Amino acid sequence: MLKEYDLIVPSIHGFGFGSLPQKGYVNNADTVKIWHKLMTEVLGYQRYVATGGDMGRGVLSYIAANHPHELEGLFLTDIGFAVDIVATPDEKLSPEWLHLKRLQQNG
């Protein structure tokens, strides 16, 4: 089914085939600039679809926020770790959010 589409699978710097830059780290904002430039300037796509999870979810969330006109669609395989849920006392959470917090704490 994917024969009608181009599949681009970039590495995050410091993982897989991606080496770290001289400064020793790359954050989500840096990766967004690199990946978006790859897709639009280097490869020439005007619009694209992206999917990711774990570290890629963070990067793609930034892409969605910073380049909504070029991002045709986004599929995330996780929602990440909800810091606000963890920092909120249990008694102030709804039953649904409390359940999610307990799931995250128990892995």
PDB file of N, CA and C in Angstrom:
ATOM      1  N   MET A   1       0.806  -1.194   0.000  1.00  0.00           N
ATOM      2  CA  MET A   1       0.000   0.000   0.000  1.00  0.00           C
ATOM      3  C   MET A   1       0.856   1.267   0.000  1.00  0.00           C
ATOM      4  N   LEU A   2       2.054   1.183   0.534  1.00  0.00           N
ATOM      5  CA  LEU A   2       2.894   2.373   0.609  1.00  0.00           C
ATOM      6  C   LEU A   2       3.645   2.652  -0.689  1.00  0.00           C
ATOM      7  N   LYS A   3       3.434   1.873  -1.735  1.00  0.00           N
ATOM      8  CA  LYS A   3       4.184   2.089  -2.964  1.00  0.00           C
ATOM      9  C   LYS A   3       3.867   3.434  -3.616  1.00  0.00           C
ATOM     10  N   GLU A   4       2.742   4.046  -3.245  1.00  0.00           N
ATOM     11  CA  GLU A   4       2.380   5.353  -3.793  1.00  0.00           C
ATOM     12  C   GLU A   4       2.990   6.502  -2.995  1.00  0.00           C
ATOM     13  N   TYR A   5       3.702   6.175  -1.922  1.00  0.00           N
ATOM     14  CA  TYR A   5       4.245   7.199  -1.033  1.00  0.00           C
ATOM     15  C   TYR A   5       5.740   7.041  -0.887  1.00  0.00           C
ATOM     16  N   ASP A   6       6.403   8.135  -0.564  1.00  0.00           N
ATOM     17  CA  ASP A   6       7.810   8.095  -0.212  1.00  0.00           C
ATOM     18  C   ASP A   6       7.892   7.945   1.296  1.00  0.00           C
ATOM     19  N   LEU A   7       8.737   7.075   1.767  1.00  0.00           N
ATOM     20  CA  LEU A   7       8.909   6.860   3.193  1.00  0.00           C
ATOM     21  C   LEU A   7      10.275   7.394   3.609  1.00  0.00           C
ATOM     22  N   ILE A   8      10.278   8.424   4.420  1.00  0.00           N
ATOM     23  CA  ILE A   8      11.512   9.054   4.895  1.00  0.00           C
ATOM     24  C   ILE A   8      11.640   8.703   6.372  1.00  0.00           C
ATOM     25  N   VAL A   9      12.760   8.126   6.777  1.00  0.00           N
ATOM     26  CA  VAL A   9      12.955   7.706   8.165  1.00  0.00           C
ATOM     27  C   VAL A   9      14.237   8.345   8.701  1.00  0.00           C
ATOM     28  N   PRO A  10      14.133   9.570   9.198  1.00  0.00           N
ATOM     29  CA  PRO A  10      15.338  10.225   9.725  1.00  0.00           C
ATOM     30  C   PRO A  10      15.687   9.702  11.119  1.00  0.00           C
ATOM     31  N   SER A  11      16.968   9.732  11.436  1.00  0.00           N
ATOM     32  CA  SER A  11      17.421   9.375  12.786  1.00  0.00           C
ATOM     33  C   SER A  11      17.485  10.630  13.631  1.00  0.00           C
ATOM     34  N   ILE A  12      17.237  10.459  14.904  1.00  0.00           N
ATOM     35  CA  ILE A  12      17.451  11.564  15.841  1.00  0.00           C
ATOM     36  C   ILE A  12      18.934  11.577  16.170  1.00  0.00           C
ATOM     37  N   HIS A  13      19.551  12.738  16.124  1.00  0.00           N
ATOM     38  CA  HIS A  13      20.980  12.834  16.414  1.00  0.00           C
ATOM     39  C   HIS A  13      21.278  12.245  17.782  1.00  0.00           C
ATOM     40  N   GLY A  14      22.278  11.384  17.832  1.00  0.00           N
ATOM     41  CA  GLY A  14      22.649  10.718  19.065  1.00  0.00           C
ATOM     42  C   GLY A  14      22.019   9.343  19.210  1.00  0.00           C
ATOM     43  N   PHE A  15      21.094   8.980  18.293  1.00  0.00           N
ATOM     44  CA  PHE A  15      20.433   7.686  18.303  1.00  0.00           C
ATOM     45  C   PHE A  15      20.573   7.052  16.928  1.00  0.00           C
ATOM     46  N   GLY A  16      20.602   5.741  16.869  1.00  0.00           N
ATOM     47  CA  GLY A  16      20.671   5.057  15.580  1.00  0.00           C
ATOM     48  C   GLY A  16      21.880   5.510  14.776  1.00  0.00           C
ATOM     49  N   PHE A  17      21.648   6.012  13.576  1.00  0.00           N
ATOM     50  CA  PHE A  17      22.733   6.447  12.702  1.00  0.00           C
ATOM     51  C   PHE A  17      23.057   7.928  12.858  1.00  0.00           C
ATOM     52  N   GLY A  18      22.362   8.621  13.733  1.00  0.00           N
ATOM     53  CA  GLY A  18      22.562  10.058  13.895  1.00  0.00           C
ATOM     54  C   GLY A  18      23.652  10.382  14.903  1.00  0.00           C
ATOM     55  N   SER A  19      24.727  11.002  14.448  1.00  0.00           N
ATOM     56  CA  SER A  19      25.807  11.386  15.361  1.00  0.00           C
ATOM     57  C   SER A  19      25.463  12.715  16.042  1.00  0.00           C
ATOM     58  N   LEU A  20      26.074  12.944  17.200  1.00  0.00           N
ATOM     59  CA  LEU A  20      25.842  14.201  17.918  1.00  0.00           C
ATOM     60  C   LEU A  20      26.657  15.327  17.292  1.00  0.00           C
ATOM     61  N   PRO A  21      26.134  16.537  17.304  1.00  0.00           N
ATOM     62  CA  PRO A  21      26.912  17.677  16.811  1.00  0.00           C
ATOM     63  C   PRO A  21      28.032  18.003  17.801  1.00  0.00           C
ATOM     64  N   GLN A  22      28.870  18.914  17.427  1.00  0.00           N
ATOM     65  CA  GLN A  22      30.029  19.273  18.242  1.00  0.00           C
ATOM     66  C   GLN A  22      29.633  19.761  19.639  1.00  0.00           C
ATOM     67  N   LYS A  23      28.493  20.431  19.783  1.00  0.00           N
ATOM     68  CA  LYS A  23      28.087  20.926  21.102  1.00  0.00           C
ATOM     69  C   LYS A  23      27.688  19.799  22.050  1.00  0.00           C
ATOM     70  N   GLY A  24      27.511  18.572  21.548  1.00  0.00           N
ATOM     71  CA  GLY A  24      27.282  17.411  22.384  1.00  0.00           C
ATOM     72  C   GLY A  24      25.842  17.035  22.646  1.00  0.00           C
ATOM     73  N   TYR A  25      24.900  17.798  22.165  1.00  0.00           N
ATOM     74  CA  TYR A  25      23.488  17.466  22.370  1.00  0.00           C
ATOM     75  C   TYR A  25      22.646  18.092  21.269  1.00  0.00           C
ATOM     76  N   VAL A  26      21.452  17.566  21.117  1.00  0.00           N
ATOM     77  CA  VAL A  26      20.451  18.121  20.214  1.00  0.00           C
ATOM     78  C   VAL A  26      19.121  18.044  20.954  1.00  0.00           C
ATOM     79  N   ASN A  27      18.402  19.156  21.021  1.00  0.00           N
ATOM     80  CA  ASN A  27      17.096  19.139  21.672  1.00  0.00           C
ATOM     81  C   ASN A  27      15.999  19.048  20.613  1.00  0.00           C
ATOM     82  N   ASN A  28      14.744  19.000  21.068  1.00  0.00           N
ATOM     83  CA  ASN A  28      13.629  18.888  20.119  1.00  0.00           C
ATOM     84  C   ASN A  28      13.592  20.042  19.130  1.00  0.00           C
ATOM     85  N   ALA A  29      13.846  21.265  19.611  1.00  0.00           N
ATOM     86  CA  ALA A  29      13.816  22.430  18.714  1.00  0.00           C
ATOM     87  C   ALA A  29      14.877  22.314  17.621  1.00  0.00           C
ATOM     88  N   ASP A  30      16.066  21.831  17.978  1.00  0.00           N
ATOM     89  CA  ASP A  30      17.132  21.637  16.976  1.00  0.00           C
ATOM     90  C   ASP A  30      16.702  20.592  15.949  1.00  0.00           C
ATOM     91  N   THR A  31      16.150  19.497  16.434  1.00  0.00           N
ATOM     92  CA  THR A  31      15.748  18.406  15.544  1.00  0.00           C
ATOM     93  C   THR A  31      14.629  18.837  14.612  1.00  0.00           C
ATOM     94  N   VAL A  32      13.687  19.646  15.114  1.00  0.00           N
ATOM     95  CA  VAL A  32      12.610  20.162  14.275  1.00  0.00           C
ATOM     96  C   VAL A  32      13.184  20.954  13.105  1.00  0.00           C
ATOM     97  N   LYS A  33      14.127  21.827  13.380  1.00  0.00           N
ATOM     98  CA  LYS A  33      14.736  22.630  12.305  1.00  0.00           C
ATOM     99  C   LYS A  33      15.381  21.728  11.259  1.00  0.00           C
ATOM    100  N   ILE A  34      16.098  20.710  11.722  1.00  0.00           N
ATOM    101  CA  ILE A  34      16.793  19.800  10.801  1.00  0.00           C
ATOM    102  C   ILE A  34      15.794  18.987   9.982  1.00  0.00           C
ATOM    103  N   TRP A  35      14.813  18.369  10.650  1.00  0.00           N
ATOM    104  CA  TRP A  35      13.856  17.511   9.949  1.00  0.00           C
ATOM    105  C   TRP A  35      12.968  18.309   9.008  1.00  0.00           C
ATOM    106  N   HIS A  36      12.514  19.472   9.449  1.00  0.00           N
ATOM    107  CA  HIS A  36      11.640  20.270   8.578  1.00  0.00           C
ATOM    108  C   HIS A  36      12.419  20.760   7.352  1.00  0.00           C
ATOM    109  N   LYS A  37      13.652  21.157   7.551  1.00  0.00           N
ATOM    110  CA  LYS A  37      14.484  21.577   6.415  1.00  0.00           C
ATOM    111  C   LYS A  37      14.713  20.393   5.470  1.00  0.00           C
ATOM    112  N   LEU A  38      14.956  19.210   6.032  1.00  0.00           N
ATOM    113  CA  LEU A  38      15.119  18.010   5.208  1.00  0.00           C
ATOM    114  C   LEU A  38      13.894  17.784   4.334  1.00  0.00           C
ATOM    115  N   MET A  39      12.721  17.852   4.947  1.00  0.00           N
ATOM    116  CA  MET A  39      11.493  17.557   4.212  1.00  0.00           C
ATOM    117  C   MET A  39      11.157  18.630   3.172  1.00  0.00           C
ATOM    118  N   THR A  40      11.291  19.898   3.539  1.00  0.00           N
ATOM    119  CA  THR A  40      10.817  20.973   2.651  1.00  0.00           C
ATOM    120  C   THR A  40      11.886  21.515   1.712  1.00  0.00           C
ATOM    121  N   GLU A  41      13.079  21.705   2.202  1.00  0.00           N
ATOM    122  CA  GLU A  41      14.121  22.314   1.358  1.00  0.00           C
ATOM    123  C   GLU A  41      14.976  21.277   0.638  1.00  0.00           C
ATOM    124  N   VAL A  42      15.429  20.259   1.366  1.00  0.00           N
ATOM    125  CA  VAL A  42      16.319  19.268   0.755  1.00  0.00           C
ATOM    126  C   VAL A  42      15.537  18.321  -0.161  1.00  0.00           C
ATOM    127  N   LEU A  43      14.428  17.769   0.341  1.00  0.00           N
ATOM    128  CA  LEU A  43      13.656  16.805  -0.446  1.00  0.00           C
ATOM    129  C   LEU A  43      12.533  17.446  -1.247  1.00  0.00           C
ATOM    130  N   GLY A  44      12.175  18.679  -0.934  1.00  0.00           N
ATOM    131  CA  GLY A  44      11.226  19.438  -1.745  1.00  0.00           C
ATOM    132  C   GLY A  44       9.745  19.164  -1.524  1.00  0.00           C
ATOM    133  N   TYR A  45       9.364  18.579  -0.407  1.00  0.00           N
ATOM    134  CA  TYR A  45       7.941  18.352  -0.145  1.00  0.00           C
ATOM    135  C   TYR A  45       7.305  19.636   0.382  1.00  0.00           C
ATOM    136  N   GLN A  46       6.164  20.000  -0.183  1.00  0.00           N
ATOM    137  CA  GLN A  46       5.449  21.167   0.318  1.00  0.00           C
ATOM    138  C   GLN A  46       4.645  20.820   1.561  1.00  0.00           C
ATOM    139  N   ARG A  47       4.143  19.584   1.608  1.00  0.00           N
ATOM    140  CA  ARG A  47       3.378  19.096   2.763  1.00  0.00           C
ATOM    141  C   ARG A  47       3.790  17.650   3.007  1.00  0.00           C
ATOM    142  N   TYR A  48       3.681  17.222   4.252  1.00  0.00           N
ATOM    143  CA  TYR A  48       4.053  15.847   4.581  1.00  0.00           C
ATOM    144  C   TYR A  48       3.275  15.355   5.797  1.00  0.00           C
ATOM    145  N   VAL A  49       3.282  14.046   5.982  1.00  0.00           N
ATOM    146  CA  VAL A  49       2.644  13.373   7.111  1.00  0.00           C
ATOM    147  C   VAL A  49       3.758  12.789   7.954  1.00  0.00           C
ATOM    148  N   ALA A  50       3.573  12.758   9.273  1.00  0.00           N
ATOM    149  CA  ALA A  50       4.616  12.239  10.151  1.00  0.00           C
ATOM    150  C   ALA A  50       4.022  11.329  11.213  1.00  0.00           C
ATOM    151  N   THR A  51       4.818  10.369  11.648  1.00  0.00           N
ATOM    152  CA  THR A  51       4.426   9.492  12.745  1.00  0.00           C
ATOM    153  C   THR A  51       5.620   9.256  13.643  1.00  0.00           C
ATOM    154  N   GLY A  52       5.358   9.076  14.920  1.00  0.00           N
ATOM    155  CA  GLY A  52       6.455   8.819  15.843  1.00  0.00           C
ATOM    156  C   GLY A  52       5.961   8.521  17.237  1.00  0.00           C
ATOM    157  N   GLY A  53       6.846   7.991  18.006  1.00  0.00           N
ATOM    158  CA  GLY A  53       6.575   7.693  19.405  1.00  0.00           C
ATOM    159  C   GLY A  53       7.835   7.904  20.210  1.00  0.00           C
ATOM    160  N   ASP A  54       7.708   7.900  21.506  1.00  0.00           N
ATOM    161  CA  ASP A  54       8.828   8.066  22.409  1.00  0.00           C
ATOM    162  C   ASP A  54       9.545   9.386  22.095  1.00  0.00           C
ATOM    163  N   MET A  55      10.809   9.360  21.734  1.00  0.00           N
ATOM    164  CA  MET A  55      11.556  10.587  21.433  1.00  0.00           C
ATOM    165  C   MET A  55      10.984  11.287  20.194  1.00  0.00           C
ATOM    166  N   GLY A  56      10.583  10.518  19.191  1.00  0.00           N
ATOM    167  CA  GLY A  56      10.011  11.099  17.983  1.00  0.00           C
ATOM    168  C   GLY A  56       8.708  11.827  18.254  1.00  0.00           C
ATOM    169  N   ARG A  57       7.953  11.378  19.232  1.00  0.00           N
ATOM    170  CA  ARG A  57       6.720  12.056  19.606  1.00  0.00           C
ATOM    171  C   ARG A  57       7.001  13.476  20.051  1.00  0.00           C
ATOM    172  N   GLY A  58       8.060  13.659  20.826  1.00  0.00           N
ATOM    173  CA  GLY A  58       8.420  15.004  21.270  1.00  0.00           C
ATOM    174  C   GLY A  58       8.780  15.903  20.107  1.00  0.00           C
ATOM    175  N   VAL A  59       9.593  15.386  19.211  1.00  0.00           N
ATOM    176  CA  VAL A  59      10.003  16.158  18.038  1.00  0.00           C
ATOM    177  C   VAL A  59       8.794  16.510  17.171  1.00  0.00           C
ATOM    178  N   LEU A  60       7.942  15.529  16.915  1.00  0.00           N
ATOM    179  CA  LEU A  60       6.799  15.766  16.031  1.00  0.00           C
ATOM    180  C   LEU A  60       5.762  16.684  16.652  1.00  0.00           C
ATOM    181  N   SER A  61       5.666  16.686  17.968  1.00  0.00           N
ATOM    182  CA  SER A  61       4.772  17.647  18.628  1.00  0.00           C
ATOM    183  C   SER A  61       5.259  19.064  18.369  1.00  0.00           C
ATOM    184  N   TYR A  62       6.561  19.259  18.384  1.00  0.00           N
ATOM    185  CA  TYR A  62       7.140  20.571  18.072  1.00  0.00           C
ATOM    186  C   TYR A  62       6.903  20.927  16.607  1.00  0.00           C
ATOM    187  N   ILE A  63       7.045  19.953  15.709  1.00  0.00           N
ATOM    188  CA  ILE A  63       6.792  20.218  14.287  1.00  0.00           C
ATOM    189  C   ILE A  63       5.344  20.652  14.092  1.00  0.00           C
ATOM    190  N   ALA A  64       4.416  19.949  14.726  1.00  0.00           N
ATOM    191  CA  ALA A  64       2.996  20.300  14.598  1.00  0.00           C
ATOM    192  C   ALA A  64       2.735  21.716  15.099  1.00  0.00           C
ATOM    193  N   ALA A  65       3.394  22.099  16.174  1.00  0.00           N
ATOM    194  CA  ALA A  65       3.186  23.437  16.734  1.00  0.00           C
ATOM    195  C   ALA A  65       3.843  24.523  15.891  1.00  0.00           C
ATOM    196  N   ASN A  66       4.986  24.221  15.302  1.00  0.00           N
ATOM    197  CA  ASN A  66       5.758  25.239  14.579  1.00  0.00           C
ATOM    198  C   ASN A  66       5.530  25.276  13.074  1.00  0.00           C
ATOM    199  N   HIS A  67       5.026  24.183  12.506  1.00  0.00           N
ATOM    200  CA  HIS A  67       4.836  24.107  11.048  1.00  0.00           C
ATOM    201  C   HIS A  67       3.487  23.477  10.700  1.00  0.00           C
ATOM    202  N   PRO A  68       2.396  24.014  11.231  1.00  0.00           N
ATOM    203  CA  PRO A  68       1.087  23.379  11.000  1.00  0.00           C
ATOM    204  C   PRO A  68       0.635  23.404   9.546  1.00  0.00           C
ATOM    205  N   HIS A  69       1.121  24.346   8.758  1.00  0.00           N
ATOM    206  CA  HIS A  69       0.670  24.442   7.363  1.00  0.00           C
ATOM    207  C   HIS A  69       1.342  23.422   6.468  1.00  0.00           C
ATOM    208  N   GLU A  70       2.524  22.967   6.847  1.00  0.00           N
ATOM    209  CA  GLU A  70       3.225  21.968   6.050  1.00  0.00           C
ATOM    210  C   GLU A  70       2.926  20.549   6.509  1.00  0.00           C
ATOM    211  N   LEU A  71       2.472  20.392   7.750  1.00  0.00           N
ATOM    212  CA  LEU A  71       2.203  19.069   8.281  1.00  0.00           C
ATOM    213  C   LEU A  71       0.770  18.659   7.940  1.00  0.00           C
ATOM    214  N   GLU A  72       0.652  17.748   7.012  1.00  0.00           N
ATOM    215  CA  GLU A  72      -0.659  17.283   6.524  1.00  0.00           C
ATOM    216  C   GLU A  72      -1.378  16.417   7.551  1.00  0.00           C
ATOM    217  N   GLY A  73      -0.613  15.634   8.282  1.00  0.00           N
ATOM    218  CA  GLY A  73      -1.194  14.750   9.285  1.00  0.00           C
ATOM    219  C   GLY A  73      -0.136  14.314  10.270  1.00  0.00           C
ATOM    220  N   LEU A  74      -0.597  13.872  11.440  1.00  0.00           N
ATOM    221  CA  LEU A  74       0.318  13.483  12.510  1.00  0.00           C
ATOM    222  C   LEU A  74      -0.271  12.278  13.235  1.00  0.00           C
ATOM    223  N   PHE A  75       0.517  11.227  13.390  1.00  0.00           N
ATOM    224  CA  PHE A  75       0.096  10.053  14.140  1.00  0.00           C
ATOM    225  C   PHE A  75       1.131   9.798  15.220  1.00  0.00           C
ATOM    226  N   LEU A  76       0.724   9.889  16.484  1.00  0.00           N
ATOM    227  CA  LEU A  76       1.624   9.677  17.615  1.00  0.00           C
ATOM    228  C   LEU A  76       1.283   8.359  18.291  1.00  0.00           C
ATOM    229  N   THR A  77       2.295   7.565  18.597  1.00  0.00           N
ATOM    230  CA  THR A  77       2.054   6.262  19.207  1.00  0.00           C
ATOM    231  C   THR A  77       2.040   6.319  20.727  1.00  0.00           C
ATOM    232  N   ASP A  78       2.274   7.475  21.315  1.00  0.00           N
ATOM    233  CA  ASP A  78       2.111   7.654  22.754  1.00  0.00           C
ATOM    234  C   ASP A  78       1.863   9.125  23.039  1.00  0.00           C
ATOM    235  N   ILE A  79       1.368   9.423  24.222  1.00  0.00           N
ATOM    236  CA  ILE A  79       1.099  10.821  24.565  1.00  0.00           C
ATOM    237  C   ILE A  79       2.202  11.417  25.421  1.00  0.00           C
ATOM    238  N   GLY A  80       3.223  10.630  25.722  1.00  0.00           N
ATOM    239  CA  GLY A  80       4.313  11.140  26.538  1.00  0.00           C
ATOM    240  C   GLY A  80       3.984  11.069  28.017  1.00  0.00           C
ATOM    241  N   PHE A  81       4.855  11.617  28.791  1.00  0.00           N
ATOM    242  CA  PHE A  81       4.702  11.611  30.242  1.00  0.00           C
ATOM    243  C   PHE A  81       4.099  12.936  30.664  1.00  0.00           C
ATOM    244  N   ALA A  82       2.948  12.880  31.300  1.00  0.00           N
ATOM    245  CA  ALA A  82       2.207  14.090  31.661  1.00  0.00           C
ATOM    246  C   ALA A  82       2.704  14.635  33.006  1.00  0.00           C
ATOM    247  N   VAL A  83       3.638  15.580  32.954  1.00  0.00           N
ATOM    248  CA  VAL A  83       4.244  16.149  34.158  1.00  0.00           C
ATOM    249  C   VAL A  83       3.198  16.792  35.050  1.00  0.00           C
ATOM    250  N   ASP A  84       2.240  17.488  34.474  1.00  0.00           N
ATOM    251  CA  ASP A  84       1.202  18.144  35.281  1.00  0.00           C
ATOM    252  C   ASP A  84       0.403  17.142  36.107  1.00  0.00           C
ATOM    253  N   ILE A  85       0.154  15.972  35.548  1.00  0.00           N
ATOM    254  CA  ILE A  85      -0.590  14.956  36.279  1.00  0.00           C
ATOM    255  C   ILE A  85       0.213  14.473  37.479  1.00  0.00           C
ATOM    256  N   VAL A  86       1.494  14.238  37.271  1.00  0.00           N
ATOM    257  CA  VAL A  86       2.343  13.732  38.336  1.00  0.00           C
ATOM    258  C   VAL A  86       2.496  14.756  39.451  1.00  0.00           C
ATOM    259  N   ALA A  87       2.576  16.036  39.094  1.00  0.00           N
ATOM    260  CA  ALA A  87       2.795  17.091  40.076  1.00  0.00           C
ATOM    261  C   ALA A  87       1.525  17.475  40.833  1.00  0.00           C
ATOM    262  N   THR A  88       0.353  17.089  40.351  1.00  0.00           N
ATOM    263  CA  THR A  88      -0.906  17.451  40.989  1.00  0.00           C
ATOM    264  C   THR A  88      -1.236  16.446  42.098  1.00  0.00           C
ATOM    265  N   PRO A  89      -1.602  16.911  43.284  1.00  0.00           N
ATOM    266  CA  PRO A  89      -1.999  15.988  44.356  1.00  0.00           C
ATOM    267  C   PRO A  89      -3.172  15.119  43.923  1.00  0.00           C
ATOM    268  N   ASP A  90      -3.164  13.866  44.340  1.00  0.00           N
ATOM    269  CA  ASP A  90      -4.202  12.909  43.934  1.00  0.00           C
ATOM    270  C   ASP A  90      -5.616  13.416  44.195  1.00  0.00           C
ATOM    271  N   GLU A  91      -5.832  14.069  45.321  1.00  0.00           N
ATOM    272  CA  GLU A  91      -7.186  14.503  45.677  1.00  0.00           C
ATOM    273  C   GLU A  91      -7.731  15.591  44.751  1.00  0.00           C
ATOM    274  N   LYS A  92      -6.876  16.216  43.959  1.00  0.00           N
ATOM    275  CA  LYS A  92      -7.333  17.254  43.023  1.00  0.00           C
ATOM    276  C   LYS A  92      -7.555  16.716  41.609  1.00  0.00           C
ATOM    277  N   LEU A  93      -7.288  15.438  41.394  1.00  0.00           N
ATOM    278  CA  LEU A  93      -7.457  14.839  40.071  1.00  0.00           C
ATOM    279  C   LEU A  93      -8.818  14.166  39.955  1.00  0.00           C
ATOM    280  N   SER A  94      -9.376  14.217  38.741  1.00  0.00           N
ATOM    281  CA  SER A  94     -10.609  13.476  38.474  1.00  0.00           C
ATOM    282  C   SER A  94     -10.265  11.981  38.518  1.00  0.00           C
ATOM    283  N   PRO A  95     -11.257  11.122  38.662  1.00  0.00           N
ATOM    284  CA  PRO A  95     -10.986   9.672  38.666  1.00  0.00           C
ATOM    285  C   PRO A  95     -10.241   9.205  37.408  1.00  0.00           C
ATOM    286  N   GLU A  96     -10.574   9.801  36.255  1.00  0.00           N
ATOM    287  CA  GLU A  96      -9.911   9.412  34.999  1.00  0.00           C
ATOM    288  C   GLU A  96      -8.434   9.788  35.010  1.00  0.00           C
ATOM    289  N   TRP A  97      -8.121  11.016  35.443  1.00  0.00           N
ATOM    290  CA  TRP A  97      -6.732  11.461  35.492  1.00  0.00           C
ATOM    291  C   TRP A  97      -5.952  10.715  36.570  1.00  0.00           C
ATOM    292  N   LEU A  98      -6.596  10.399  37.676  1.00  0.00           N
ATOM    293  CA  LEU A  98      -5.952   9.632  38.736  1.00  0.00           C
ATOM    294  C   LEU A  98      -5.596   8.233  38.239  1.00  0.00           C
ATOM    295  N   HIS A  99      -6.499   7.634  37.467  1.00  0.00           N
ATOM    296  CA  HIS A  99      -6.226   6.320  36.878  1.00  0.00           C
ATOM    297  C   HIS A  99      -5.015   6.397  35.945  1.00  0.00           C
ATOM    298  N   LEU A 100      -4.968   7.419  35.096  1.00  0.00           N
ATOM    299  CA  LEU A 100      -3.846   7.586  34.178  1.00  0.00           C
ATOM    300  C   LEU A 100      -2.545   7.779  34.963  1.00  0.00           C
ATOM    301  N   LYS A 101      -2.591   8.563  36.021  1.00  0.00           N
ATOM    302  CA  LYS A 101      -1.393   8.796  36.839  1.00  0.00           C
ATOM    303  C   LYS A 101      -0.890   7.475  37.419  1.00  0.00           C
ATOM    304  N   ARG A 102      -1.788   6.668  37.909  1.00  0.00           N
ATOM    305  CA  ARG A 102      -1.381   5.383  38.498  1.00  0.00           C
ATOM    306  C   ARG A 102      -0.815   4.452  37.437  1.00  0.00           C
ATOM    307  N   LEU A 103      -1.386   4.466  36.250  1.00  0.00           N
ATOM    308  CA  LEU A 103      -0.836   3.658  35.157  1.00  0.00           C
ATOM    309  C   LEU A 103       0.578   4.077  34.820  1.00  0.00           C
ATOM    310  N   GLN A 104       0.825   5.384  34.760  1.00  0.00           N
ATOM    311  CA  GLN A 104       2.158   5.876  34.439  1.00  0.00           C
ATOM    312  C   GLN A 104       3.151   5.525  35.538  1.00  0.00           C
ATOM    313  N   GLN A 105       2.741   5.606  36.789  1.00  0.00           N
ATOM    314  CA  GLN A 105       3.635   5.307  37.898  1.00  0.00           C
ATOM    315  C   GLN A 105       3.988   3.822  37.955  1.00  0.00           C
ATOM    316  N   ASN A 106       3.078   2.968  37.523  1.00  0.00           N
ATOM    317  CA  ASN A 106       3.285   1.530  37.602  1.00  0.00           C
ATOM    318  C   ASN A 106       3.881   0.937  36.324  1.00  0.00           C
ATOM    319  N   GLY A 107       4.111   1.813  35.340  1.00  0.00           N
ATOM    320  CA  GLY A 107       4.715   1.371  34.083  1.00  0.00           C
ATOM    321  C   GLY A 107       3.782   0.560  33.290  1.00  0.00           C
TER     322      GLY A 107
END
